[in-house]
Amino acid sequence: MKKIPIRKCLATGQSFPKKELLRIVRTPEGEVRVDETGKLNGKGAYISKTPEALAILKNKKLLNRALETEVNDDVYREIENIINK
């Protein structure tokens, strides 16, 4: 039996299987990107695909702290588009 990787949502603190979460990455070049494949190099943070988690991320600026860089509104819009698919 294969082990299922578990990750914790940055916003809610709940644990989920890795495939159910959305990964946000700060690449080695310093660019912040949404990583739908889960394979980009860099420092990553996971969030659940819910509007509530996105609201918590924006209000508390959790991505800024987790990725140790300033995250612009374009990244949040891209996350919102993926969540609302």
PDB file of N, CA and C in Angstrom:
ATOM      1  N   MET A   1       0.829  -1.181   0.000  1.00  0.00           N
ATOM      2  CA  MET A   1       0.000   0.000   0.000  1.00  0.00           C
ATOM      3  C   MET A   1       0.877   1.250   0.000  1.00  0.00           C
ATOM      4  N   LYS A   2       0.543   2.190  -0.857  1.00  0.00           N
ATOM      5  CA  LYS A   2       1.336   3.399  -0.990  1.00  0.00           C
ATOM      6  C   LYS A   2       0.879   4.461   0.016  1.00  0.00           C
ATOM      7  N   LYS A   3       1.831   5.152   0.622  1.00  0.00           N
ATOM      8  CA  LYS A   3       1.521   6.203   1.590  1.00  0.00           C
ATOM      9  C   LYS A   3       1.034   7.452   0.855  1.00  0.00           C
ATOM     10  N   ILE A   4      -0.050   8.053   1.334  1.00  0.00           N
ATOM     11  CA  ILE A   4      -0.592   9.282   0.742  1.00  0.00           C
ATOM     12  C   ILE A   4       0.015  10.468   1.479  1.00  0.00           C
ATOM     13  N   PRO A   5       0.718  11.361   0.737  1.00  0.00           N
ATOM     14  CA  PRO A   5       1.311  12.523   1.409  1.00  0.00           C
ATOM     15  C   PRO A   5       0.229  13.480   1.924  1.00  0.00           C
ATOM     16  N   ILE A   6       0.397  13.932   3.146  1.00  0.00           N
ATOM     17  CA  ILE A   6      -0.547  14.847   3.792  1.00  0.00           C
ATOM     18  C   ILE A   6       0.140  16.195   3.977  1.00  0.00           C
ATOM     19  N   ARG A   7      -0.580  17.268   3.680  1.00  0.00           N
ATOM     20  CA  ARG A   7      -0.066  18.625   3.888  1.00  0.00           C
ATOM     21  C   ARG A   7      -1.112  19.425   4.656  1.00  0.00           C
ATOM     22  N   LYS A   8      -0.643  20.479   5.329  1.00  0.00           N
ATOM     23  CA  LYS A   8      -1.525  21.323   6.129  1.00  0.00           C
ATOM     24  C   LYS A   8      -1.837  22.606   5.377  1.00  0.00           C
ATOM     25  N   CYS A   9      -3.112  22.998   5.374  1.00  0.00           N
ATOM     26  CA  CYS A   9      -3.541  24.247   4.753  1.00  0.00           C
ATOM     27  C   CYS A   9      -2.993  25.407   5.582  1.00  0.00           C
ATOM     28  N   LEU A  10      -2.362  26.341   4.900  1.00  0.00           N
ATOM     29  CA  LEU A  10      -1.770  27.500   5.561  1.00  0.00           C
ATOM     30  C   LEU A  10      -2.830  28.356   6.254  1.00  0.00           C
ATOM     31  N   ALA A  11      -3.993  28.480   5.635  1.00  0.00           N
ATOM     32  CA  ALA A  11      -5.036  29.363   6.155  1.00  0.00           C
ATOM     33  C   ALA A  11      -5.850  28.723   7.278  1.00  0.00           C
ATOM     34  N   THR A  12      -6.309  27.494   7.075  1.00  0.00           N
ATOM     35  CA  THR A  12      -7.225  26.875   8.037  1.00  0.00           C
ATOM     36  C   THR A  12      -6.530  25.983   9.052  1.00  0.00           C
ATOM     37  N   GLY A  13      -5.336  25.504   8.722  1.00  0.00           N
ATOM     38  CA  GLY A  13      -4.625  24.626   9.636  1.00  0.00           C
ATOM     39  C   GLY A  13      -5.082  23.179   9.570  1.00  0.00           C
ATOM     40  N   GLN A  14      -6.001  22.857   8.663  1.00  0.00           N
ATOM     41  CA  GLN A  14      -6.486  21.486   8.514  1.00  0.00           C
ATOM     42  C   GLN A  14      -5.552  20.697   7.606  1.00  0.00           C
ATOM     43  N   SER A  15      -5.430  19.408   7.860  1.00  0.00           N
ATOM     44  CA  SER A  15      -4.589  18.539   7.042  1.00  0.00           C
ATOM     45  C   SER A  15      -5.426  17.862   5.967  1.00  0.00           C
ATOM     46  N   PHE A  16      -4.869  17.796   4.760  1.00  0.00           N
ATOM     47  CA  PHE A  16      -5.532  17.192   3.610  1.00  0.00           C
ATOM     48  C   PHE A  16      -4.511  16.391   2.823  1.00  0.00           C
ATOM     49  N   PRO A  17      -4.976  15.438   1.993  1.00  0.00           N
ATOM     50  CA  PRO A  17      -4.055  14.822   1.034  1.00  0.00           C
ATOM     51  C   PRO A  17      -3.503  15.904   0.102  1.00  0.00           C
ATOM     52  N   LYS A  18      -2.240  15.781  -0.248  1.00  0.00           N
ATOM     53  CA  LYS A  18      -1.544  16.794  -1.035  1.00  0.00           C
ATOM     54  C   LYS A  18      -2.280  17.165  -2.325  1.00  0.00           C
ATOM     55  N   LYS A  19      -2.900  16.194  -2.989  1.00  0.00           N
ATOM     56  CA  LYS A  19      -3.564  16.443  -4.270  1.00  0.00           C
ATOM     57  C   LYS A  19      -4.813  17.309  -4.140  1.00  0.00           C
ATOM     58  N   GLU A  20      -5.380  17.417  -2.936  1.00  0.00           N
ATOM     59  CA  GLU A  20      -6.584  18.224  -2.729  1.00  0.00           C
ATOM     60  C   GLU A  20      -6.270  19.696  -2.463  1.00  0.00           C
ATOM     61  N   LEU A  21      -4.988  20.020  -2.309  1.00  0.00           N
ATOM     62  CA  LEU A  21      -4.589  21.377  -1.978  1.00  0.00           C
ATOM     63  C   LEU A  21      -3.965  22.072  -3.184  1.00  0.00           C
ATOM     64  N   LEU A  22      -3.890  23.376  -3.093  1.00  0.00           N
ATOM     65  CA  LEU A  22      -3.278  24.208  -4.128  1.00  0.00           C
ATOM     66  C   LEU A  22      -1.931  24.694  -3.586  1.00  0.00           C
ATOM     67  N   ARG A  23      -0.871  24.556  -4.400  1.00  0.00           N
ATOM     68  CA  ARG A  23       0.469  24.944  -3.959  1.00  0.00           C
ATOM     69  C   ARG A  23       0.853  26.286  -4.553  1.00  0.00           C
ATOM     70  N   ILE A  24       1.337  27.177  -3.703  1.00  0.00           N
ATOM     71  CA  ILE A  24       1.843  28.479  -4.111  1.00  0.00           C
ATOM     72  C   ILE A  24       3.353  28.443  -3.862  1.00  0.00           C
ATOM     73  N   VAL A  25       4.146  28.875  -4.859  1.00  0.00           N
ATOM     74  CA  VAL A  25       5.599  28.723  -4.787  1.00  0.00           C
ATOM     75  C   VAL A  25       6.312  30.048  -4.982  1.00  0.00           C
ATOM     76  N   ARG A  26       7.368  30.257  -4.198  1.00  0.00           N
ATOM     77  CA  ARG A  26       8.326  31.322  -4.489  1.00  0.00           C
ATOM     78  C   ARG A  26       9.515  30.634  -5.144  1.00  0.00           C
ATOM     79  N   THR A  27       9.717  30.933  -6.420  1.00  0.00           N
ATOM     80  CA  THR A  27      10.784  30.283  -7.177  1.00  0.00           C
ATOM     81  C   THR A  27      12.146  30.800  -6.714  1.00  0.00           C
ATOM     82  N   PRO A  28      13.236  30.103  -7.061  1.00  0.00           N
ATOM     83  CA  PRO A  28      14.569  30.584  -6.687  1.00  0.00           C
ATOM     84  C   PRO A  28      14.873  31.985  -7.234  1.00  0.00           C
ATOM     85  N   GLU A  29      14.173  32.391  -8.298  1.00  0.00           N
ATOM     86  CA  GLU A  29      14.361  33.740  -8.854  1.00  0.00           C
ATOM     87  C   GLU A  29      13.573  34.796  -8.073  1.00  0.00           C
ATOM     88  N   GLY A  30      12.723  34.372  -7.122  1.00  0.00           N
ATOM     89  CA  GLY A  30      11.951  35.305  -6.311  1.00  0.00           C
ATOM     90  C   GLY A  30      10.554  35.563  -6.826  1.00  0.00           C
ATOM     91  N   GLU A  31      10.145  34.879  -7.875  1.00  0.00           N
ATOM     92  CA  GLU A  31       8.814  35.061  -8.463  1.00  0.00           C
ATOM     93  C   GLU A  31       7.809  34.175  -7.721  1.00  0.00           C
ATOM     94  N   VAL A  32       6.617  34.701  -7.441  1.00  0.00           N
ATOM     95  CA  VAL A  32       5.570  33.928  -6.772  1.00  0.00           C
ATOM     96  C   VAL A  32       4.610  33.421  -7.846  1.00  0.00           C
ATOM     97  N   ARG A  33       4.389  32.103  -7.846  1.00  0.00           N
ATOM     98  CA  ARG A  33       3.530  31.482  -8.861  1.00  0.00           C
ATOM     99  C   ARG A  33       2.619  30.449  -8.224  1.00  0.00           C
ATOM    100  N   VAL A  34       1.481  30.211  -8.880  1.00  0.00           N
ATOM    101  CA  VAL A  34       0.586  29.134  -8.475  1.00  0.00           C
ATOM    102  C   VAL A  34       1.069  27.879  -9.184  1.00  0.00           C
ATOM    103  N   ASP A  35       1.289  26.824  -8.422  1.00  0.00           N
ATOM    104  CA  ASP A  35       1.845  25.578  -8.961  1.00  0.00           C
ATOM    105  C   ASP A  35       0.774  24.491  -8.933  1.00  0.00           C
ATOM    106  N   GLU A  36       0.059  24.342 -10.039  1.00  0.00           N
ATOM    107  CA  GLU A  36      -0.996  23.322 -10.100  1.00  0.00           C
ATOM    108  C   GLU A  36      -0.422  21.917 -10.246  1.00  0.00           C
ATOM    109  N   THR A  37       0.816  21.793 -10.736  1.00  0.00           N
ATOM    110  CA  THR A  37       1.427  20.479 -10.906  1.00  0.00           C
ATOM    111  C   THR A  37       2.048  19.975  -9.614  1.00  0.00           C
ATOM    112  N   GLY A  38       2.446  20.891  -8.734  1.00  0.00           N
ATOM    113  CA  GLY A  38       3.089  20.516  -7.486  1.00  0.00           C
ATOM    114  C   GLY A  38       4.551  20.151  -7.657  1.00  0.00           C
ATOM    115  N   LYS A  39       5.153  20.526  -8.781  1.00  0.00           N
ATOM    116  CA  LYS A  39       6.522  20.108  -9.061  1.00  0.00           C
ATOM    117  C   LYS A  39       7.509  21.244  -9.272  1.00  0.00           C
ATOM    118  N   LEU A  40       7.071  22.493  -9.190  1.00  0.00           N
ATOM    119  CA  LEU A  40       7.996  23.609  -9.390  1.00  0.00           C
ATOM    120  C   LEU A  40       9.016  23.676  -8.256  1.00  0.00           C
ATOM    121  N   ASN A  41      10.222  24.085  -8.597  1.00  0.00           N
ATOM    122  CA  ASN A  41      11.259  24.279  -7.581  1.00  0.00           C
ATOM    123  C   ASN A  41      10.961  25.533  -6.776  1.00  0.00           C
ATOM    124  N   GLY A  42      11.307  25.502  -5.508  1.00  0.00           N
ATOM    125  CA  GLY A  42      11.168  26.692  -4.681  1.00  0.00           C
ATOM    126  C   GLY A  42      10.464  26.402  -3.377  1.00  0.00           C
ATOM    127  N   LYS A  43      10.294  27.447  -2.601  1.00  0.00           N
ATOM    128  CA  LYS A  43       9.624  27.369  -1.302  1.00  0.00           C
ATOM    129  C   LYS A  43       8.123  27.364  -1.531  1.00  0.00           C
ATOM    130  N   GLY A  44       7.421  26.390  -0.999  1.00  0.00           N
ATOM    131  CA  GLY A  44       6.000  26.248  -1.268  1.00  0.00           C
ATOM    132  C   GLY A  44       5.131  26.385  -0.035  1.00  0.00           C
ATOM    133  N   ALA A  45       3.877  26.751  -0.281  1.00  0.00           N
ATOM    134  CA  ALA A  45       2.856  26.808   0.757  1.00  0.00           C
ATOM    135  C   ALA A  45       1.586  26.230   0.163  1.00  0.00           C
ATOM    136  N   TYR A  46       0.815  25.524   0.970  1.00  0.00           N
ATOM    137  CA  TYR A  46      -0.392  24.866   0.492  1.00  0.00           C
ATOM    138  C   TYR A  46      -1.621  25.530   1.093  1.00  0.00           C
ATOM    139  N   ILE A  47      -2.673  25.653   0.261  1.00  0.00           N
ATOM    140  CA  ILE A  47      -3.954  26.147   0.772  1.00  0.00           C
ATOM    141  C   ILE A  47      -5.072  25.272   0.230  1.00  0.00           C
ATOM    142  N   SER A  48      -6.153  25.159   1.004  1.00  0.00           N
ATOM    143  CA  SER A  48      -7.306  24.400   0.530  1.00  0.00           C
ATOM    144  C   SER A  48      -8.044  25.231  -0.516  1.00  0.00           C
ATOM    145  N   LYS A  49      -8.743  24.551  -1.398  1.00  0.00           N
ATOM    146  CA  LYS A  49      -9.404  25.217  -2.525  1.00  0.00           C
ATOM    147  C   LYS A  49     -10.799  25.702  -2.127  1.00  0.00           C
ATOM    148  N   THR A  50     -10.851  26.585  -1.114  1.00  0.00           N
ATOM    149  CA  THR A  50     -12.128  27.142  -0.668  1.00  0.00           C
ATOM    150  C   THR A  50     -12.037  28.662  -0.617  1.00  0.00           C
ATOM    151  N   PRO A  51     -13.162  29.340  -0.857  1.00  0.00           N
ATOM    152  CA  PRO A  51     -13.162  30.809  -0.756  1.00  0.00           C
ATOM    153  C   PRO A  51     -12.819  31.296   0.653  1.00  0.00           C
ATOM    154  N   GLU A  52     -13.185  30.516   1.672  1.00  0.00           N
ATOM    155  CA  GLU A  52     -12.886  30.909   3.050  1.00  0.00           C
ATOM    156  C   GLU A  52     -11.380  30.949   3.288  1.00  0.00           C
ATOM    157  N   ALA A  53     -10.670  29.941   2.778  1.00  0.00           N
ATOM    158  CA  ALA A  53      -9.218  29.891   2.944  1.00  0.00           C
ATOM    159  C   ALA A  53      -8.562  31.073   2.226  1.00  0.00           C
ATOM    160  N   LEU A  54      -9.063  31.414   1.055  1.00  0.00           N
ATOM    161  CA  LEU A  54      -8.513  32.546   0.307  1.00  0.00           C
ATOM    162  C   LEU A  54      -8.738  33.851   1.065  1.00  0.00           C
ATOM    163  N   ALA A  55      -9.907  34.016   1.662  1.00  0.00           N
ATOM    164  CA  ALA A  55     -10.204  35.228   2.430  1.00  0.00           C
ATOM    165  C   ALA A  55      -9.256  35.361   3.625  1.00  0.00           C
ATOM    166  N   ILE A  56      -9.006  34.249   4.313  1.00  0.00           N
ATOM    167  CA  ILE A  56      -8.091  34.270   5.455  1.00  0.00           C
ATOM    168  C   ILE A  56      -6.679  34.626   4.994  1.00  0.00           C
ATOM    169  N   LEU A  57      -6.256  34.046   3.859  1.00  0.00           N
ATOM    170  CA  LEU A  57      -4.921  34.341   3.309  1.00  0.00           C
ATOM    171  C   LEU A  57      -4.749  35.827   3.034  1.00  0.00           C
ATOM    172  N   LYS A  58      -5.755  36.420   2.387  1.00  0.00           N
ATOM    173  CA  LYS A  58      -5.675  37.840   2.029  1.00  0.00           C
ATOM    174  C   LYS A  58      -5.669  38.730   3.268  1.00  0.00           C
ATOM    175  N   ASN A  59      -6.613  38.489   4.168  1.00  0.00           N
ATOM    176  CA  ASN A  59      -6.769  39.359   5.337  1.00  0.00           C
ATOM    177  C   ASN A  59      -5.565  39.334   6.268  1.00  0.00           C
ATOM    178  N   LYS A  60      -5.007  38.155   6.491  1.00  0.00           N
ATOM    179  CA  LYS A  60      -3.891  38.030   7.432  1.00  0.00           C
ATOM    180  C   LYS A  60      -2.520  38.074   6.751  1.00  0.00           C
ATOM    181  N   LYS A  61      -2.519  38.180   5.415  1.00  0.00           N
ATOM    182  CA  LYS A  61      -1.272  38.211   4.628  1.00  0.00           C
ATOM    183  C   LYS A  61      -0.363  37.027   4.973  1.00  0.00           C
ATOM    184  N   LEU A  62      -0.963  35.853   5.047  1.00  0.00           N
ATOM    185  CA  LEU A  62      -0.222  34.653   5.435  1.00  0.00           C
ATOM    186  C   LEU A  62       0.788  34.227   4.381  1.00  0.00           C
ATOM    187  N   LEU A  63       0.468  34.437   3.108  1.00  0.00           N
ATOM    188  CA  LEU A  63       1.412  34.059   2.050  1.00  0.00           C
ATOM    189  C   LEU A  63       2.689  34.889   2.124  1.00  0.00           C
ATOM    190  N   ASN A  64       2.551  36.166   2.460  1.00  0.00           N
ATOM    191  CA  ASN A  64       3.732  37.027   2.590  1.00  0.00           C
ATOM    192  C   ASN A  64       4.697  36.454   3.628  1.00  0.00           C
ATOM    193  N   ARG A  65       4.140  36.013   4.758  1.00  0.00           N
ATOM    194  CA  ARG A  65       4.966  35.467   5.821  1.00  0.00           C
ATOM    195  C   ARG A  65       5.555  34.104   5.446  1.00  0.00           C
ATOM    196  N   ALA A  66       4.716  33.245   4.883  1.00  0.00           N
ATOM    197  CA  ALA A  66       5.156  31.877   4.573  1.00  0.00           C
ATOM    198  C   ALA A  66       6.216  31.852   3.471  1.00  0.00           C
ATOM    199  N   LEU A  67       6.052  32.697   2.458  1.00  0.00           N
ATOM    200  CA  LEU A  67       6.980  32.701   1.337  1.00  0.00           C
ATOM    201  C   LEU A  67       8.101  33.727   1.495  1.00  0.00           C
ATOM    202  N   GLU A  68       8.033  34.513   2.579  1.00  0.00           N
ATOM    203  CA  GLU A  68       9.054  35.513   2.902  1.00  0.00           C
ATOM    204  C   GLU A  68       9.282  36.505   1.766  1.00  0.00           C
ATOM    205  N   THR A  69       8.192  36.943   1.140  1.00  0.00           N
ATOM    206  CA  THR A  69       8.246  37.940   0.076  1.00  0.00           C
ATOM    207  C   THR A  69       6.884  38.602  -0.059  1.00  0.00           C
ATOM    208  N   GLU A  70       6.824  39.707  -0.786  1.00  0.00           N
ATOM    209  CA  GLU A  70       5.558  40.421  -1.006  1.00  0.00           C
ATOM    210  C   GLU A  70       4.791  39.727  -2.139  1.00  0.00           C
ATOM    211  N   VAL A  71       3.539  39.364  -1.873  1.00  0.00           N
ATOM    212  CA  VAL A  71       2.696  38.697  -2.866  1.00  0.00           C
ATOM    213  C   VAL A  71       1.720  39.729  -3.419  1.00  0.00           C
ATOM    214  N   ASN A  72       1.704  39.900  -4.750  1.00  0.00           N
ATOM    215  CA  ASN A  72       0.828  40.920  -5.336  1.00  0.00           C
ATOM    216  C   ASN A  72      -0.569  40.373  -5.610  1.00  0.00           C
ATOM    217  N   ASP A  73      -1.480  41.268  -5.963  1.00  0.00           N
ATOM    218  CA  ASP A  73      -2.886  40.914  -6.156  1.00  0.00           C
ATOM    219  C   ASP A  73      -3.117  39.974  -7.338  1.00  0.00           C
ATOM    220  N   ASP A  74      -2.221  39.971  -8.329  1.00  0.00           N
ATOM    221  CA  ASP A  74      -2.385  39.074  -9.477  1.00  0.00           C
ATOM    222  C   ASP A  74      -2.368  37.612  -9.033  1.00  0.00           C
ATOM    223  N   VAL A  75      -1.536  37.279  -8.067  1.00  0.00           N
ATOM    224  CA  VAL A  75      -1.462  35.906  -7.564  1.00  0.00           C
ATOM    225  C   VAL A  75      -2.778  35.538  -6.882  1.00  0.00           C
ATOM    226  N   TYR A  76      -3.321  36.456  -6.082  1.00  0.00           N
ATOM    227  CA  TYR A  76      -4.592  36.190  -5.409  1.00  0.00           C
ATOM    228  C   TYR A  76      -5.732  36.016  -6.417  1.00  0.00           C
ATOM    229  N   ARG A  77      -5.713  36.815  -7.495  1.00  0.00           N
ATOM    230  CA  ARG A  77      -6.735  36.671  -8.538  1.00  0.00           C
ATOM    231  C   ARG A  77      -6.626  35.316  -9.235  1.00  0.00           C
ATOM    232  N   GLU A  78      -5.398  34.879  -9.489  1.00  0.00           N
ATOM    233  CA  GLU A  78      -5.182  33.583 -10.128  1.00  0.00           C
ATOM    234  C   GLU A  78      -5.678  32.446  -9.210  1.00  0.00           C
ATOM    235  N   ILE A  79      -5.415  32.551  -7.923  1.00  0.00           N
ATOM    236  CA  ILE A  79      -5.903  31.562  -6.958  1.00  0.00           C
ATOM    237  C   ILE A  79      -7.427  31.540  -6.969  1.00  0.00           C
ATOM    238  N   GLU A  80      -8.031  32.729  -6.963  1.00  0.00           N
ATOM    239  CA  GLU A  80      -9.495  32.833  -6.970  1.00  0.00           C
ATOM    240  C   GLU A  80     -10.086  32.185  -8.213  1.00  0.00           C
ATOM    241  N   ASN A  81      -9.468  32.407  -9.386  1.00  0.00           N
ATOM    242  CA  ASN A  81      -9.945  31.793 -10.625  1.00  0.00           C
ATOM    243  C   ASN A  81      -9.874  30.273 -10.553  1.00  0.00           C
ATOM    244  N   ILE A  82      -8.820  29.736  -9.991  1.00  0.00           N
ATOM    245  CA  ILE A  82      -8.669  28.281  -9.873  1.00  0.00           C
ATOM    246  C   ILE A  82      -9.705  27.719  -8.917  1.00  0.00           C
ATOM    247  N   ILE A  83      -9.935  28.394  -7.801  1.00  0.00           N
ATOM    248  CA  ILE A  83     -10.916  27.931  -6.817  1.00  0.00           C
ATOM    249  C   ILE A  83     -12.327  27.936  -7.397  1.00  0.00           C
ATOM    250  N   ASN A  84     -12.647  28.945  -8.200  1.00  0.00           N
ATOM    251  CA  ASN A  84     -14.000  29.093  -8.746  1.00  0.00           C
ATOM    252  C   ASN A  84     -14.241  28.289 -10.024  1.00  0.00           C
ATOM    253  N   LYS A  85     -13.296  27.456 -10.446  1.00  0.00           N
ATOM    254  CA  LYS A  85     -13.473  26.647 -11.655  1.00  0.00           C
ATOM    255  C   LYS A  85     -14.619  25.680 -11.516  1.00  0.00           C
TER     256      LYS A  85
END
